[in-house]
C-alpha atoms as a PDB file:
ATOM      1  CA  UNK A   1     -22.292 -84.452-273.812  1.00  0.00           C
ATOM      2  CA  UNK A   2     -19.973 -84.026-276.792  1.00  0.00           C
ATOM      3  CA  UNK A   3     -19.671 -87.113-279.003  1.00  0.00           C
ATOM      4  CA  UNK A   4     -17.212 -85.639-281.506  1.00  0.00           C
ATOM      5  CA  UNK A   5     -14.338 -87.855-280.411  1.00  0.00           C
ATOM      6  CA  UNK A   6     -13.616 -91.067-282.262  1.00  0.00           C
ATOM      7  CA  UNK A   7     -13.091 -94.308-280.442  1.00  0.00           C
ATOM      8  CA  UNK A   8     -11.173 -97.047-282.138  1.00  0.00           C
ATOM      9  CA  UNK A   9     -12.439-100.512-281.475  1.00  0.00           C
ATOM     10  CA  UNK A  10      -9.938-103.214-280.786  1.00  0.00           C
ATOM     11  CA  UNK A  11     -11.068-106.716-281.639  1.00  0.00           C
ATOM     12  CA  UNK A  12      -9.302-109.413-279.676  1.00  0.00           C
ATOM     13  CA  UNK A  13      -9.829-112.819-281.240  1.00  0.00           C
ATOM     14  CA  UNK A  14      -9.109-116.067-279.371  1.00  0.00           C
ATOM     15  CA  UNK A  15      -6.539-118.157-281.233  1.00  0.00           C
ATOM     16  CA  UNK A  16      -8.975-121.061-281.537  1.00  0.00           C
ATOM     17  CA  UNK A  17     -11.589-118.779-283.174  1.00  0.00           C
ATOM     18  CA  UNK A  18      -9.227-117.001-285.617  1.00  0.00           C
ATOM     19  CA  UNK A  19     -10.310-119.111-288.610  1.00  0.00           C
ATOM     20  CA  UNK A  20     -13.932-118.024-288.090  1.00  0.00           C
ATOM     21  CA  UNK A  21     -12.844-114.464-288.945  1.00  0.00           C
ATOM     22  CA  UNK A  22      -9.884-114.916-291.310  1.00  0.00           C
ATOM     23  CA  UNK A  23      -8.740-117.721-293.621  1.00  0.00           C
ATOM     24  CA  UNK A  24      -5.043-116.923-293.142  1.00  0.00           C
ATOM     25  CA  UNK A  25      -2.969-117.945-291.328  1.00  0.00           C
ATOM     26  CA  UNK A  26      -4.340-121.373-290.474  1.00  0.00           C
ATOM     27  CA  UNK A  27      -4.336-122.423-286.819  1.00  0.00           C
ATOM     28  CA  UNK A  28      -1.011-124.245-287.078  1.00  0.00           C
ATOM     29  CA  UNK A  29       0.655-121.237-288.659  1.00  0.00           C
ATOM     30  CA  UNK A  30      -0.792-118.937-286.028  1.00  0.00           C
ATOM     31  CA  UNK A  31       0.502-121.183-283.247  1.00  0.00           C
ATOM     32  CA  UNK A  32       3.955-121.119-284.866  1.00  0.00           C
ATOM     33  CA  UNK A  33       3.854-117.306-284.905  1.00  0.00           C
ATOM     34  CA  UNK A  34       2.962-117.340-281.213  1.00  0.00           C
ATOM     35  CA  UNK A  35       5.761-119.800-280.434  1.00  0.00           C
ATOM     36  CA  UNK A  36       8.346-117.598-282.173  1.00  0.00           C
ATOM     37  CA  UNK A  37       6.745-114.312-281.104  1.00  0.00           C
ATOM     38  CA  UNK A  38       9.701-112.854-279.224  1.00  0.00           C
ATOM     39  CA  UNK A  39      12.130-113.243-282.089  1.00  0.00           C
ATOM     40  CA  UNK A  40       9.713-112.261-284.863  1.00  0.00           C
ATOM     41  CA  UNK A  41       8.113-109.267-283.162  1.00  0.00           C
ATOM     42  CA  UNK A  42       4.723-111.004-283.194  1.00  0.00           C
ATOM     43  CA  UNK A  43       4.525-110.573-279.408  1.00  0.00           C
ATOM     44  CA  UNK A  44       2.994-107.108-279.983  1.00  0.00           C
ATOM     45  CA  UNK A  45      -0.054-108.870-281.484  1.00  0.00           C
ATOM     46  CA  UNK A  46      -0.647-111.180-278.520  1.00  0.00           C
ATOM     47  CA  UNK A  47      -2.774-110.403-275.479  1.00  0.00           C
ATOM     48  CA  UNK A  48      -2.815-112.967-272.685  1.00  0.00           C
ATOM     49  CA  UNK A  49      -5.698-113.048-270.236  1.00  0.00           C
ATOM     50  CA  UNK A  50      -5.090-115.800-267.740  1.00  0.00           C
ATOM     51  CA  UNK A  51      -4.543-118.902-269.845  1.00  0.00           C
ATOM     52  CA  UNK A  52      -6.355-117.489-272.872  1.00  0.00           C
ATOM     53  CA  UNK A  53      -4.301-116.232-275.773  1.00  0.00           C
ATOM     54  CA  UNK A  54      -5.961-113.546-277.867  1.00  0.00           C
ATOM     55  CA  UNK A  55      -4.791-111.933-281.078  1.00  0.00           C
ATOM     56  CA  UNK A  56      -5.182-108.176-281.494  1.00  0.00           C
ATOM     57  CA  UNK A  57      -6.605-108.061-285.004  1.00  0.00           C
ATOM     58  CA  UNK A  58      -5.401-104.532-285.836  1.00  0.00           C
ATOM     59  CA  UNK A  59      -1.903-105.238-284.504  1.00  0.00           C
ATOM     60  CA  UNK A  60      -1.772-108.480-286.535  1.00  0.00           C
ATOM     61  CA  UNK A  61      -2.478-106.750-289.831  1.00  0.00           C
ATOM     62  CA  UNK A  62      -0.089-103.901-289.022  1.00  0.00           C
ATOM     63  CA  UNK A  63       2.620-106.479-288.191  1.00  0.00           C
ATOM     64  CA  UNK A  64       1.856-108.283-291.468  1.00  0.00           C
ATOM     65  CA  UNK A  65       2.205-105.044-293.463  1.00  0.00           C
ATOM     66  CA  UNK A  66       5.529-104.233-291.808  1.00  0.00           C
ATOM     67  CA  UNK A  67       6.900-107.740-292.388  1.00  0.00           C
ATOM     68  CA  UNK A  68       5.845-107.555-296.046  1.00  0.00           C
ATOM     69  CA  UNK A  69       7.882-104.383-296.622  1.00  0.00           C
ATOM     70  CA  UNK A  70      11.165-105.987-295.610  1.00  0.00           C
END
């Protein structure tokens, strides 16, 4: 078996656990981003599984970089 391919890992963090991994944004700020996700483009960072709302960590930081350039 050839293991020369690279697999990228995608970490999905539950909204309520975000602060255990990152100090920013705080929970209230993250919830605001989720609430305004369609208009801000943040919807590409959100993964919904049933009632759980997860944040795609890589997509979040990419979104942050793009918003910072504007």
